[in-house]
Each structure stands twice: as C-alpha cells, then as structure tokens.
Amino acid sequence: LEKVVALEPQNEQARASLALACVGMRDLDAAKEHISKVVKLNPYVAKNFSMQAKILAQRGEFEPALRAAQKIVELDPTQTELRDQIRKEPRK
C-alpha cells in the first residue's frame, strides 16, 4: 500500500486502506496522517469522516473526533442515532 500511495498520492482508496492498516498496527499517528489526507482528497464521503472520528477518539482527541462525527451527520442525515448522540454530548 505504501508503494501505491507513493506512486499515486491522490489515490483515496489506497490511503484509506493504509490508514486502516496503521490502526491495526497501533500506529495511530500514521493512521491520523493518512485519514486526514483522505478527507482532504474527498470531503464528501461520510465513511471517511467516520474513520477519522474513530482514529481521533482512539488518540484521545475527542473534540476533533466530535467535529468529524458532526460532518458525518451533515453528509448523511440518515445517521439519526449518531446525530442524537452528538446532541446529548455536553459542550465545554
């Protein structure tokens, strides 16, 4: 995957797969970097933000994870359960 990303840095699918592989290897720094690039490449796909929210939450970055979750709901209004959870989240 790293070779594919090196050859095709705009390859969203390869970057997303690499982010997942990094999560599996517990390299959350690299996972965050790759998923951030995926979101920049295509900011219109809710599942990209879903992966980003999970990675950020695993890193303890809860405010950015919440913003990613809000983007999921914005892109996919059918995510009613997530929307309701966000509304219940206490604000700082």
Protein backbone atom coordinates (compact mmCIF):
# COMPACT_ATOMS: atom_id res chain seq x y z
CA LEU A 1 0.00 0.00 0.00
CA GLU A 2 2.81 2.40 0.79
CA LYS A 3 4.18 1.87 -2.72
CA VAL A 4 0.78 2.59 -4.26
CA VAL A 5 0.43 5.78 -2.21
CA ALA A 6 3.96 6.80 -3.17
CA LEU A 7 3.15 6.30 -6.85
CA GLU A 8 -0.39 7.69 -6.63
CA PRO A 9 -0.61 10.17 -3.73
CA GLN A 10 -4.15 11.12 -4.78
CA ASN A 11 -5.39 7.52 -4.53
CA GLU A 12 -8.09 7.88 -1.89
CA GLN A 13 -8.80 4.15 -1.57
CA ALA A 14 -5.14 3.23 -1.09
CA ARG A 15 -4.70 5.94 1.56
CA ALA A 16 -7.84 4.81 3.40
CA SER A 17 -6.62 1.21 3.34
CA LEU A 18 -3.23 2.33 4.60
CA ALA A 19 -4.91 4.27 7.44
CA LEU A 20 -6.79 1.09 8.44
CA ALA A 21 -3.59 -0.94 8.30
CA CYS A 22 -1.88 1.61 10.54
CA VAL A 23 -4.74 1.33 13.05
CA GLY A 24 -4.28 -2.44 13.02
CA MET A 25 -0.59 -1.95 13.78
CA ARG A 26 -1.45 0.56 16.53
CA ASP A 27 0.36 3.34 14.67
CA LEU A 28 -2.29 5.98 15.31
CA ASP A 29 -0.01 8.86 14.33
CA ALA A 30 0.38 7.46 10.81
CA ALA A 31 -3.30 6.49 10.68
CA LYS A 32 -4.28 10.06 11.53
CA GLU A 33 -1.96 11.44 8.87
CA HIS A 34 -3.34 9.15 6.16
CA ILE A 35 -7.01 9.61 7.00
CA SER A 36 -6.53 13.38 7.16
CA LYS A 37 -5.24 13.26 3.58
CA VAL A 38 -8.19 11.08 2.54
CA VAL A 39 -10.64 13.61 3.97
CA LYS A 40 -8.86 16.41 2.12
CA LEU A 41 -8.93 14.42 -1.12
CA ASN A 42 -12.65 13.75 -0.83
CA PRO A 43 -14.53 15.73 1.82
CA TYR A 44 -17.91 14.47 0.60
CA VAL A 45 -17.80 10.86 1.87
CA ALA A 46 -19.27 10.21 5.31
CA LYS A 47 -17.35 6.95 5.81
CA ASN A 48 -14.06 8.85 5.50
CA PHE A 49 -15.12 11.08 8.39
CA SER A 50 -16.31 8.03 10.30
CA MET A 51 -12.84 6.51 10.09
CA GLN A 52 -11.32 9.85 11.04
CA ALA A 53 -13.60 10.20 14.08
CA LYS A 54 -12.68 6.71 15.29
CA ILE A 55 -8.95 7.30 14.87
CA LEU A 56 -9.11 10.65 16.63
CA ALA A 57 -11.15 9.19 19.50
CA GLN A 58 -8.62 6.36 19.90
CA ARG A 59 -5.91 9.03 20.16
CA GLY A 60 -7.91 10.81 22.87
CA GLU A 61 -8.62 13.79 20.58
CA PHE A 62 -12.28 13.99 21.48
CA GLU A 63 -13.15 17.50 20.27
CA PRO A 64 -11.76 16.88 16.76
CA ALA A 65 -13.47 13.46 16.78
CA LEU A 66 -16.75 15.16 17.62
CA ARG A 67 -16.29 17.61 14.74
CA ALA A 68 -15.68 14.67 12.38
CA ALA A 69 -18.84 12.99 13.71
CA GLN A 70 -20.80 16.19 13.07
CA LYS A 71 -19.53 16.14 9.49
CA ILE A 72 -20.82 12.56 9.13
CA VAL A 73 -24.32 13.68 10.08
CA GLU A 74 -24.06 16.70 7.78
CA LEU A 75 -23.13 14.46 4.84
CA ASP A 76 -25.52 11.64 5.75
CA PRO A 77 -28.65 12.88 7.54
CA THR A 78 -29.89 9.29 7.87
CA GLN A 79 -27.37 8.85 10.70
CA THR A 80 -30.06 9.73 13.23
CA GLU A 81 -28.59 7.73 16.12
CA LEU A 82 -25.24 9.49 15.75
CA ARG A 83 -26.98 12.86 15.44
CA ASP A 84 -28.88 12.19 18.68
CA GLN A 85 -25.66 11.19 20.47
CA ILE A 86 -23.97 14.38 19.33
CA ARG A 87 -26.85 16.48 20.63
CA LYS A 88 -26.53 14.81 24.04
CA GLU A 89 -22.78 15.44 24.18
CA PRO A 90 -22.05 18.11 26.81
CA ARG A 91 -20.38 21.22 25.42
CA LYS A 92 -17.34 22.76 27.05
